[in-house]
Amino acid sequence: MITTSYANDKKPLEQISYNVVRNNEIIGTIKVSCNTKSDSTIYALESSIDVKYILKFSIRGKETAIYKNGILIYSSVYRKVNNKIKANHSVTYKNDSYHLEIGDTEKQLGFEDIQDNLVMLYFKEPKNLNRIYCDNLKRMVNLEPLGEGKYKVAFSEDKFNIFHYENGRCVKVEANSSLFSVTLIPA
């Protein structure tokens, strides 16, 4: 389901809900929002997935990305699997560079201005892009156009997503890994 509402400043708030499907069964949901206010855009993603693959997995996640004047200024990822925290970090743009914060440690990252990240792919077709920032991996990843509105984002040799677009809108995501694959379909 795609909904658009308007905040006080008449800029749209877009929200998309996806069902996570595995073997023709809905195993979870992903909700993504994009809120634009004057010179800033905030993307948020929340996921809730319960799957049994040999063992039962309960996966919860939250991601946030804040852009100002088209440049990423803040990003955070939180992911928990079976009550164990698997990711909890943030990236902040300050003093003309990006800084990764994990717990009490901070490390400078060697990126130029980041203009596109993975969560943006849910809202716009990545025409003319060949790399995109993956917040979870804390690095740039390859983006390969496959033709006919399809784009492959490779995270590793055996883990990748294929985003499908119609008229510039994301209509399906195939998430593939060596363990199992799922399909995200707008609810």
N, C-alpha and C. Protein backbone atom coordinates (compact mmCIF):
# COMPACT_ATOMS: atom_id res chain seq x y z
N MET A 1 0.84 -1.17 0.00
CA MET A 1 0.00 0.00 0.00
C MET A 1 0.89 1.23 0.00
N ILE A 2 0.60 2.16 -0.89
CA ILE A 2 1.32 3.42 -0.96
C ILE A 2 0.36 4.52 -0.57
N THR A 3 0.74 5.32 0.41
CA THR A 3 -0.11 6.43 0.81
C THR A 3 0.71 7.71 0.76
N THR A 4 0.03 8.78 0.44
CA THR A 4 0.67 10.09 0.42
C THR A 4 -0.21 11.03 1.22
N SER A 5 0.38 11.73 2.17
CA SER A 5 -0.35 12.76 2.91
C SER A 5 0.51 14.01 2.87
N TYR A 6 -0.02 15.09 3.38
CA TYR A 6 0.72 16.34 3.32
C TYR A 6 0.88 16.91 4.72
N ALA A 7 2.11 17.23 5.05
CA ALA A 7 2.41 17.85 6.35
C ALA A 7 2.01 19.31 6.29
N ASN A 8 2.25 20.03 7.36
CA ASN A 8 1.85 21.44 7.46
C ASN A 8 2.44 22.31 6.36
N ASP A 9 3.65 21.99 5.90
CA ASP A 9 4.28 22.82 4.89
C ASP A 9 3.95 22.34 3.46
N LYS A 10 2.94 21.52 3.32
CA LYS A 10 2.42 21.05 2.03
C LYS A 10 3.38 20.15 1.26
N LYS A 11 4.41 19.63 1.90
CA LYS A 11 5.29 18.66 1.27
C LYS A 11 4.74 17.27 1.55
N PRO A 12 4.86 16.35 0.60
CA PRO A 12 4.25 15.04 0.80
C PRO A 12 5.02 14.16 1.79
N LEU A 13 4.27 13.36 2.50
CA LEU A 13 4.79 12.28 3.34
C LEU A 13 4.37 11.01 2.63
N GLU A 14 5.31 10.26 2.13
CA GLU A 14 5.00 9.01 1.44
C GLU A 14 5.28 7.85 2.38
N GLN A 15 4.39 6.87 2.36
CA GLN A 15 4.56 5.66 3.15
C GLN A 15 4.23 4.46 2.27
N ILE A 16 5.09 3.45 2.34
CA ILE A 16 4.87 2.22 1.59
C ILE A 16 5.01 1.06 2.55
N SER A 17 4.05 0.14 2.50
CA SER A 17 4.12 -1.08 3.30
C SER A 17 4.33 -2.25 2.35
N TYR A 18 5.26 -3.13 2.70
CA TYR A 18 5.54 -4.32 1.91
C TYR A 18 5.27 -5.56 2.75
N ASN A 19 4.69 -6.56 2.13
CA ASN A 19 4.62 -7.88 2.75
C ASN A 19 5.89 -8.61 2.36
N VAL A 20 6.48 -9.31 3.33
CA VAL A 20 7.65 -10.14 3.07
C VAL A 20 7.14 -11.56 2.86
N VAL A 21 7.37 -12.10 1.66
CA VAL A 21 6.79 -13.38 1.27
C VAL A 21 7.89 -14.40 1.03
N ARG A 22 7.69 -15.58 1.60
CA ARG A 22 8.61 -16.70 1.38
C ARG A 22 7.77 -17.95 1.17
N ASN A 23 8.00 -18.65 0.08
CA ASN A 23 7.24 -19.85 -0.26
C ASN A 23 5.73 -19.59 -0.22
N ASN A 24 5.31 -18.47 -0.82
CA ASN A 24 3.91 -18.06 -0.91
C ASN A 24 3.25 -17.80 0.45
N GLU A 25 4.05 -17.57 1.48
CA GLU A 25 3.52 -17.28 2.81
C GLU A 25 4.08 -15.94 3.29
N ILE A 26 3.21 -15.08 3.83
CA ILE A 26 3.66 -13.80 4.39
C ILE A 26 4.32 -14.08 5.73
N ILE A 27 5.61 -13.70 5.83
CA ILE A 27 6.36 -13.95 7.06
C ILE A 27 6.72 -12.65 7.80
N GLY A 28 6.31 -11.52 7.23
CA GLY A 28 6.61 -10.26 7.89
C GLY A 28 6.21 -9.06 7.08
N THR A 29 6.56 -7.88 7.61
CA THR A 29 6.24 -6.63 6.93
C THR A 29 7.45 -5.69 7.01
N ILE A 30 7.52 -4.82 6.02
CA ILE A 30 8.49 -3.73 6.02
C ILE A 30 7.71 -2.47 5.70
N LYS A 31 7.85 -1.47 6.55
CA LYS A 31 7.20 -0.18 6.34
C LYS A 31 8.27 0.87 6.11
N VAL A 32 8.13 1.61 5.02
CA VAL A 32 9.11 2.61 4.64
C VAL A 32 8.40 3.94 4.48
N SER A 33 9.02 5.01 4.99
CA SER A 33 8.42 6.33 4.82
C SER A 33 9.47 7.33 4.35
N CYS A 34 8.97 8.36 3.66
CA CYS A 34 9.81 9.45 3.18
C CYS A 34 9.06 10.73 3.49
N ASN A 35 9.68 11.59 4.31
CA ASN A 35 9.04 12.82 4.74
C ASN A 35 9.94 13.99 4.32
N THR A 36 9.44 14.85 3.46
CA THR A 36 10.21 15.99 2.98
C THR A 36 9.68 17.27 3.60
N LYS A 37 10.60 18.05 4.19
CA LYS A 37 10.25 19.35 4.77
C LYS A 37 11.33 20.34 4.35
N SER A 38 10.96 21.33 3.60
CA SER A 38 11.86 22.37 3.06
C SER A 38 13.13 21.75 2.49
N ASP A 39 14.31 21.90 3.13
CA ASP A 39 15.57 21.42 2.56
C ASP A 39 16.00 20.06 3.10
N SER A 40 15.13 19.38 3.87
CA SER A 40 15.48 18.10 4.48
C SER A 40 14.51 16.99 4.08
N THR A 41 15.05 15.79 3.97
CA THR A 41 14.23 14.60 3.70
C THR A 41 14.64 13.53 4.68
N ILE A 42 13.64 12.92 5.32
CA ILE A 42 13.88 11.87 6.30
C ILE A 42 13.27 10.58 5.77
N TYR A 43 14.11 9.55 5.66
CA TYR A 43 13.65 8.21 5.28
C TYR A 43 13.69 7.34 6.52
N ALA A 44 12.65 6.52 6.70
CA ALA A 44 12.62 5.61 7.84
C ALA A 44 12.11 4.25 7.36
N LEU A 45 12.70 3.20 7.88
CA LEU A 45 12.32 1.84 7.52
C LEU A 45 12.19 1.04 8.80
N GLU A 46 11.08 0.31 8.94
CA GLU A 46 10.89 -0.59 10.07
C GLU A 46 10.51 -1.95 9.53
N SER A 47 11.18 -2.99 10.04
CA SER A 47 10.89 -4.34 9.57
C SER A 47 10.57 -5.25 10.74
N SER A 48 9.68 -6.21 10.48
CA SER A 48 9.30 -7.21 11.46
C SER A 48 9.08 -8.51 10.69
N ILE A 49 9.96 -9.48 10.93
CA ILE A 49 9.93 -10.73 10.17
C ILE A 49 10.07 -11.89 11.14
N ASP A 50 9.22 -12.91 10.98
CA ASP A 50 9.30 -14.13 11.76
C ASP A 50 9.33 -15.29 10.77
N VAL A 51 10.42 -16.07 10.81
CA VAL A 51 10.59 -17.15 9.85
C VAL A 51 11.20 -18.36 10.53
N LYS A 52 10.80 -19.52 10.04
CA LYS A 52 11.41 -20.75 10.53
C LYS A 52 12.22 -21.34 9.39
N TYR A 53 13.51 -21.49 9.63
CA TYR A 53 14.42 -22.12 8.69
C TYR A 53 15.38 -22.94 9.54
N ILE A 54 15.09 -24.18 9.71
CA ILE A 54 15.74 -25.08 10.66
C ILE A 54 15.43 -24.60 12.08
N LEU A 55 15.81 -23.37 12.40
CA LEU A 55 15.46 -22.75 13.67
C LEU A 55 14.48 -21.62 13.40
N LYS A 56 13.84 -21.12 14.45
CA LYS A 56 12.93 -19.99 14.30
C LYS A 56 13.73 -18.69 14.47
N PHE A 57 13.47 -17.75 13.56
CA PHE A 57 14.13 -16.46 13.62
C PHE A 57 13.09 -15.36 13.74
N SER A 58 13.31 -14.47 14.69
CA SER A 58 12.48 -13.28 14.86
C SER A 58 13.40 -12.09 14.61
N ILE A 59 13.12 -11.36 13.52
CA ILE A 59 14.01 -10.28 13.10
C ILE A 59 13.26 -8.96 13.18
N ARG A 60 13.84 -7.99 13.89
CA ARG A 60 13.26 -6.66 14.01
C ARG A 60 14.33 -5.65 13.62
N GLY A 61 13.92 -4.63 12.89
CA GLY A 61 14.90 -3.65 12.48
C GLY A 61 14.32 -2.26 12.31
N LYS A 62 15.19 -1.26 12.45
CA LYS A 62 14.84 0.14 12.21
C LYS A 62 16.02 0.81 11.54
N GLU A 63 15.74 1.58 10.51
CA GLU A 63 16.76 2.36 9.83
C GLU A 63 16.24 3.76 9.61
N THR A 64 17.13 4.73 9.73
CA THR A 64 16.78 6.13 9.48
C THR A 64 17.89 6.75 8.64
N ALA A 65 17.49 7.56 7.69
CA ALA A 65 18.46 8.32 6.89
C ALA A 65 17.93 9.74 6.74
N ILE A 66 18.76 10.72 7.07
CA ILE A 66 18.35 12.12 6.97
C ILE A 66 19.26 12.82 5.96
N TYR A 67 18.62 13.46 5.00
CA TYR A 67 19.33 14.21 3.97
C TYR A 67 19.03 15.68 4.12
N LYS A 68 20.02 16.51 3.91
CA LYS A 68 19.83 17.96 3.90
C LYS A 68 20.45 18.47 2.60
N ASN A 69 19.65 19.18 1.83
CA ASN A 69 20.08 19.68 0.52
C ASN A 69 20.68 18.57 -0.35
N GLY A 70 20.08 17.37 -0.27
CA GLY A 70 20.49 16.26 -1.11
C GLY A 70 21.70 15.48 -0.65
N ILE A 71 22.26 15.80 0.54
CA ILE A 71 23.44 15.11 1.07
C ILE A 71 23.07 14.40 2.37
N LEU A 72 23.47 13.13 2.49
CA LEU A 72 23.22 12.37 3.72
C LEU A 72 23.97 13.03 4.88
N ILE A 73 23.22 13.37 5.94
CA ILE A 73 23.87 13.98 7.11
C ILE A 73 23.78 13.08 8.34
N TYR A 74 22.88 12.08 8.30
CA TYR A 74 22.75 11.16 9.43
C TYR A 74 22.11 9.87 8.95
N SER A 75 22.61 8.76 9.47
CA SER A 75 22.07 7.45 9.13
C SER A 75 22.21 6.57 10.36
N SER A 76 21.20 5.74 10.63
CA SER A 76 21.32 4.79 11.74
C SER A 76 20.67 3.47 11.35
N VAL A 77 21.23 2.40 11.91
CA VAL A 77 20.72 1.05 11.68
C VAL A 77 20.67 0.33 13.02
N TYR A 78 19.52 -0.29 13.29
CA TYR A 78 19.36 -1.12 14.49
C TYR A 78 18.68 -2.40 14.04
N ARG A 79 19.30 -3.54 14.33
CA ARG A 79 18.72 -4.81 13.93
C ARG A 79 18.92 -5.82 15.05
N LYS A 80 17.81 -6.53 15.38
CA LYS A 80 17.84 -7.53 16.42
C LYS A 80 17.32 -8.85 15.85
N VAL A 81 18.04 -9.94 16.11
CA VAL A 81 17.62 -11.27 15.69
C VAL A 81 17.52 -12.13 16.94
N ASN A 82 16.30 -12.67 17.18
CA ASN A 82 16.06 -13.50 18.38
C ASN A 82 16.58 -12.83 19.65
N ASN A 83 16.23 -11.58 19.85
CA ASN A 83 16.60 -10.80 21.03
C ASN A 83 18.10 -10.53 21.17
N LYS A 84 18.88 -10.82 20.13
CA LYS A 84 20.30 -10.49 20.15
C LYS A 84 20.54 -9.37 19.15
N ILE A 85 21.17 -8.29 19.62
CA ILE A 85 21.42 -7.14 18.75
C ILE A 85 22.52 -7.49 17.76
N LYS A 86 22.19 -7.40 16.46
CA LYS A 86 23.13 -7.72 15.39
C LYS A 86 23.74 -6.47 14.76
N ALA A 87 23.04 -5.35 14.87
CA ALA A 87 23.56 -4.09 14.33
C ALA A 87 22.99 -2.95 15.16
N ASN A 88 23.85 -1.99 15.48
CA ASN A 88 23.42 -0.80 16.21
C ASN A 88 24.50 0.26 16.01
N HIS A 89 24.38 1.01 14.93
CA HIS A 89 25.39 2.02 14.63
C HIS A 89 24.77 3.21 13.92
N SER A 90 25.53 4.29 13.89
CA SER A 90 25.06 5.48 13.18
C SER A 90 26.24 6.12 12.46
N VAL A 91 25.90 6.86 11.42
CA VAL A 91 26.88 7.61 10.65
C VAL A 91 26.42 9.06 10.64
N THR A 92 27.32 9.98 10.99
CA THR A 92 27.00 11.40 11.04
C THR A 92 27.99 12.17 10.18
N TYR A 93 27.46 13.14 9.42
CA TYR A 93 28.30 14.00 8.60
C TYR A 93 28.63 15.25 9.42
N LYS A 94 29.91 15.42 9.73
CA LYS A 94 30.33 16.60 10.48
C LYS A 94 31.76 16.95 10.09
N ASN A 95 32.07 18.22 10.08
CA ASN A 95 33.40 18.71 9.70
C ASN A 95 33.82 18.18 8.33
N ASP A 96 32.88 18.19 7.39
CA ASP A 96 33.12 17.76 6.01
C ASP A 96 33.53 16.31 5.85
N SER A 97 33.17 15.45 6.80
CA SER A 97 33.46 14.02 6.65
C SER A 97 32.41 13.20 7.42
N TYR A 98 32.34 11.92 7.08
CA TYR A 98 31.41 11.02 7.75
C TYR A 98 32.11 10.31 8.89
N HIS A 99 31.37 10.17 10.00
CA HIS A 99 31.90 9.52 11.20
C HIS A 99 30.96 8.39 11.60
N LEU A 100 31.52 7.19 11.72
CA LEU A 100 30.79 6.01 12.15
C LEU A 100 30.87 5.91 13.66
N GLU A 101 29.71 5.74 14.30
CA GLU A 101 29.66 5.58 15.75
C GLU A 101 29.03 4.23 16.08
N ILE A 102 29.81 3.41 16.80
CA ILE A 102 29.32 2.13 17.30
C ILE A 102 29.61 2.12 18.78
N GLY A 103 28.55 2.18 19.57
CA GLY A 103 28.75 2.28 21.02
C GLY A 103 29.51 3.54 21.36
N ASP A 104 30.61 3.40 22.10
CA ASP A 104 31.42 4.55 22.50
C ASP A 104 32.56 4.86 21.52
N THR A 105 32.67 4.08 20.46
CA THR A 105 33.77 4.30 19.52
C THR A 105 33.31 5.08 18.30
N GLU A 106 34.22 5.90 17.79
CA GLU A 106 33.94 6.71 16.61
C GLU A 106 35.10 6.55 15.64
N LYS A 107 34.76 6.40 14.36
CA LYS A 107 35.78 6.22 13.33
C LYS A 107 35.39 7.05 12.11
N GLN A 108 36.37 7.74 11.56
CA GLN A 108 36.09 8.54 10.36
C GLN A 108 36.06 7.63 9.14
N LEU A 109 35.05 7.85 8.27
CA LEU A 109 34.92 7.08 7.04
C LEU A 109 35.42 7.91 5.87
N GLY A 110 35.97 7.28 4.88
CA GLY A 110 36.57 7.99 3.76
C GLY A 110 35.64 8.19 2.58
N PHE A 111 34.40 8.58 2.81
CA PHE A 111 33.44 8.78 1.72
C PHE A 111 33.34 10.24 1.33
N GLU A 112 33.11 10.47 0.07
CA GLU A 112 32.70 11.79 -0.41
C GLU A 112 31.24 11.96 0.01
N ASP A 113 30.63 13.07 -0.37
CA ASP A 113 29.23 13.30 -0.04
C ASP A 113 28.37 12.15 -0.56
N ILE A 114 27.56 11.58 0.32
CA ILE A 114 26.66 10.49 -0.05
C ILE A 114 25.33 11.12 -0.46
N GLN A 115 24.92 10.86 -1.68
CA GLN A 115 23.67 11.42 -2.19
C GLN A 115 22.56 10.39 -2.31
N ASP A 116 22.91 9.10 -2.32
CA ASP A 116 21.90 8.05 -2.48
C ASP A 116 22.25 6.88 -1.57
N ASN A 117 21.23 6.37 -0.87
CA ASN A 117 21.44 5.18 -0.06
C ASN A 117 20.34 4.15 -0.36
N LEU A 118 20.49 2.99 0.20
CA LEU A 118 19.63 1.86 -0.13
C LEU A 118 18.14 2.13 0.10
N VAL A 119 17.79 2.78 1.19
CA VAL A 119 16.37 2.98 1.51
C VAL A 119 15.68 3.87 0.46
N MET A 120 16.45 4.71 -0.22
CA MET A 120 15.86 5.56 -1.25
C MET A 120 15.32 4.75 -2.43
N LEU A 121 15.86 3.55 -2.63
CA LEU A 121 15.44 2.72 -3.75
C LEU A 121 13.96 2.31 -3.65
N TYR A 122 13.40 2.38 -2.46
CA TYR A 122 11.98 2.06 -2.30
C TYR A 122 11.09 3.16 -2.86
N PHE A 123 11.66 4.35 -3.08
CA PHE A 123 10.87 5.50 -3.52
C PHE A 123 11.19 6.00 -4.92
N LYS A 124 12.38 5.70 -5.43
CA LYS A 124 12.70 6.21 -6.76
C LYS A 124 13.63 5.26 -7.50
N GLU A 125 13.42 5.18 -8.79
CA GLU A 125 14.25 4.34 -9.64
C GLU A 125 15.65 4.93 -9.74
N PRO A 126 16.68 4.11 -9.57
CA PRO A 126 18.06 4.62 -9.52
C PRO A 126 18.71 4.77 -10.90
N LYS A 127 18.06 5.51 -11.76
CA LYS A 127 18.60 5.71 -13.10
C LYS A 127 19.95 6.42 -13.00
N ASN A 128 20.89 6.01 -13.84
CA ASN A 128 22.22 6.62 -13.94
C ASN A 128 23.08 6.46 -12.69
N LEU A 129 22.80 5.47 -11.85
CA LEU A 129 23.64 5.19 -10.68
C LEU A 129 24.33 3.85 -10.87
N ASN A 130 25.58 3.73 -10.40
CA ASN A 130 26.24 2.43 -10.44
C ASN A 130 26.76 2.01 -9.07
N ARG A 131 26.67 2.91 -8.07
CA ARG A 131 27.02 2.58 -6.69
C ARG A 131 26.05 3.29 -5.77
N ILE A 132 25.81 2.68 -4.62
CA ILE A 132 24.88 3.25 -3.66
C ILE A 132 25.37 2.90 -2.25
N TYR A 133 25.09 3.78 -1.29
CA TYR A 133 25.54 3.54 0.08
C TYR A 133 24.60 2.56 0.77
N CYS A 134 25.17 1.52 1.36
CA CYS A 134 24.41 0.55 2.15
C CYS A 134 24.67 0.85 3.62
N ASP A 135 23.66 1.36 4.30
CA ASP A 135 23.79 1.79 5.70
C ASP A 135 24.17 0.61 6.60
N ASN A 136 23.57 -0.55 6.38
CA ASN A 136 23.84 -1.71 7.22
C ASN A 136 25.30 -2.15 7.12
N LEU A 137 25.84 -2.17 5.90
CA LEU A 137 27.23 -2.60 5.70
C LEU A 137 28.24 -1.48 5.91
N LYS A 138 27.75 -0.26 5.99
CA LYS A 138 28.60 0.92 6.20
C LYS A 138 29.58 1.12 5.06
N ARG A 139 29.15 0.84 3.84
CA ARG A 139 30.02 0.99 2.67
C ARG A 139 29.19 1.14 1.40
N MET A 140 29.88 1.57 0.36
CA MET A 140 29.25 1.66 -0.95
C MET A 140 29.16 0.26 -1.55
N VAL A 141 28.06 -0.02 -2.28
CA VAL A 141 27.87 -1.31 -2.95
C VAL A 141 27.52 -1.05 -4.41
N ASN A 142 27.76 -2.05 -5.24
CA ASN A 142 27.49 -1.93 -6.67
C ASN A 142 25.99 -2.02 -6.95
N LEU A 143 25.57 -1.24 -7.92
CA LEU A 143 24.19 -1.23 -8.39
C LEU A 143 24.25 -1.46 -9.90
N GLU A 144 23.65 -2.55 -10.34
CA GLU A 144 23.76 -2.95 -11.75
C GLU A 144 22.39 -2.91 -12.43
N PRO A 145 22.22 -2.08 -13.46
CA PRO A 145 20.96 -2.11 -14.20
C PRO A 145 20.85 -3.41 -14.98
N LEU A 146 19.69 -4.08 -14.88
CA LEU A 146 19.46 -5.35 -15.56
C LEU A 146 18.52 -5.18 -16.76
N GLY A 147 18.03 -3.95 -16.97
CA GLY A 147 17.09 -3.70 -18.05
C GLY A 147 15.65 -3.89 -17.60
N GLU A 148 14.73 -3.33 -18.36
CA GLU A 148 13.29 -3.45 -18.09
C GLU A 148 12.91 -3.04 -16.66
N GLY A 149 13.53 -1.97 -16.14
CA GLY A 149 13.17 -1.47 -14.82
C GLY A 149 13.66 -2.32 -13.67
N LYS A 150 14.70 -3.15 -13.88
CA LYS A 150 15.25 -3.99 -12.82
C LYS A 150 16.68 -3.56 -12.52
N TYR A 151 17.03 -3.59 -11.22
CA TYR A 151 18.36 -3.22 -10.76
C TYR A 151 18.82 -4.19 -9.69
N LYS A 152 20.05 -4.65 -9.81
CA LYS A 152 20.62 -5.58 -8.84
C LYS A 152 21.58 -4.83 -7.93
N VAL A 153 21.39 -5.01 -6.62
CA VAL A 153 22.29 -4.45 -5.62
C VAL A 153 22.99 -5.63 -4.97
N ALA A 154 24.32 -5.71 -5.16
CA ALA A 154 25.10 -6.83 -4.63
C ALA A 154 25.74 -6.44 -3.30
N PHE A 155 25.44 -7.23 -2.27
CA PHE A 155 26.01 -6.99 -0.94
C PHE A 155 27.25 -7.85 -0.72
N SER A 156 27.23 -9.04 -1.31
CA SER A 156 28.35 -9.97 -1.28
C SER A 156 28.16 -10.90 -2.47
N GLU A 157 29.04 -11.87 -2.60
CA GLU A 157 28.96 -12.78 -3.74
C GLU A 157 27.64 -13.55 -3.78
N ASP A 158 27.12 -13.93 -2.60
CA ASP A 158 25.91 -14.75 -2.56
C ASP A 158 24.71 -14.04 -1.92
N LYS A 159 24.78 -12.73 -1.79
CA LYS A 159 23.67 -11.98 -1.18
C LYS A 159 23.41 -10.73 -2.01
N PHE A 160 22.18 -10.63 -2.54
CA PHE A 160 21.84 -9.49 -3.38
C PHE A 160 20.33 -9.27 -3.40
N ASN A 161 19.94 -8.05 -3.76
CA ASN A 161 18.53 -7.71 -3.96
C ASN A 161 18.33 -7.29 -5.41
N ILE A 162 17.16 -7.58 -5.92
CA ILE A 162 16.77 -7.08 -7.24
C ILE A 162 15.52 -6.24 -7.05
N PHE A 163 15.64 -4.95 -7.38
CA PHE A 163 14.53 -4.00 -7.27
C PHE A 163 13.85 -3.90 -8.64
N HIS A 164 12.51 -3.97 -8.64
CA HIS A 164 11.71 -3.88 -9.86
C HIS A 164 10.90 -2.58 -9.85
N TYR A 165 10.90 -1.88 -10.99
CA TYR A 165 10.20 -0.60 -11.07
C TYR A 165 9.23 -0.59 -12.25
N GLU A 166 8.12 0.10 -12.05
CA GLU A 166 7.18 0.41 -13.12
C GLU A 166 6.86 1.90 -13.00
N ASN A 167 7.04 2.62 -14.08
CA ASN A 167 6.81 4.08 -14.08
C ASN A 167 7.57 4.78 -12.95
N GLY A 168 8.80 4.32 -12.67
CA GLY A 168 9.64 4.95 -11.66
C GLY A 168 9.36 4.55 -10.23
N ARG A 169 8.35 3.72 -9.99
CA ARG A 169 7.98 3.31 -8.63
C ARG A 169 8.38 1.87 -8.38
N CYS A 170 8.88 1.59 -7.19
CA CYS A 170 9.28 0.23 -6.83
C CYS A 170 8.04 -0.63 -6.61
N VAL A 171 7.94 -1.71 -7.38
CA VAL A 171 6.76 -2.58 -7.30
C VAL A 171 7.08 -3.96 -6.73
N LYS A 172 8.38 -4.26 -6.57
CA LYS A 172 8.75 -5.56 -6.01
C LYS A 172 10.25 -5.54 -5.71
N VAL A 173 10.63 -6.27 -4.65
CA VAL A 173 12.04 -6.45 -4.32
C VAL A 173 12.26 -7.93 -4.06
N GLU A 174 13.24 -8.50 -4.74
CA GLU A 174 13.64 -9.89 -4.49
C GLU A 174 14.91 -9.84 -3.66
N ALA A 175 14.87 -10.37 -2.44
CA ALA A 175 16.02 -10.40 -1.55
C ALA A 175 16.56 -11.83 -1.52
N ASN A 176 17.78 -12.01 -2.00
CA ASN A 176 18.36 -13.34 -2.15
C ASN A 176 19.61 -13.49 -1.30
N SER A 177 19.73 -14.65 -0.65
CA SER A 177 20.94 -14.98 0.10
C SER A 177 21.15 -16.49 0.03
N SER A 178 22.29 -16.94 0.53
CA SER A 178 22.59 -18.38 0.48
C SER A 178 21.66 -19.17 1.41
N LEU A 179 21.13 -18.55 2.47
CA LEU A 179 20.23 -19.25 3.38
C LEU A 179 18.83 -19.40 2.80
N PHE A 180 18.23 -18.30 2.40
CA PHE A 180 16.91 -18.33 1.76
C PHE A 180 16.63 -17.01 1.09
N SER A 181 15.57 -17.01 0.29
CA SER A 181 15.19 -15.80 -0.45
C SER A 181 13.76 -15.43 -0.10
N VAL A 182 13.49 -14.13 -0.16
CA VAL A 182 12.14 -13.61 0.06
C VAL A 182 11.81 -12.58 -1.00
N THR A 183 10.53 -12.29 -1.14
CA THR A 183 10.08 -11.27 -2.07
C THR A 183 9.28 -10.24 -1.28
N LEU A 184 9.55 -8.97 -1.54
CA LEU A 184 8.79 -7.88 -0.92
C LEU A 184 7.81 -7.38 -1.95
N ILE A 185 6.53 -7.39 -1.56
CA ILE A 185 5.46 -6.97 -2.46
C ILE A 185 4.65 -5.90 -1.73
N PRO A 186 4.37 -4.77 -2.41
CA PRO A 186 3.56 -3.74 -1.74
C PRO A 186 2.25 -4.34 -1.22
N ALA A 187 1.92 -4.01 0.02
CA ALA A 187 0.72 -4.57 0.68
C ALA A 187 -0.53 -3.87 0.17
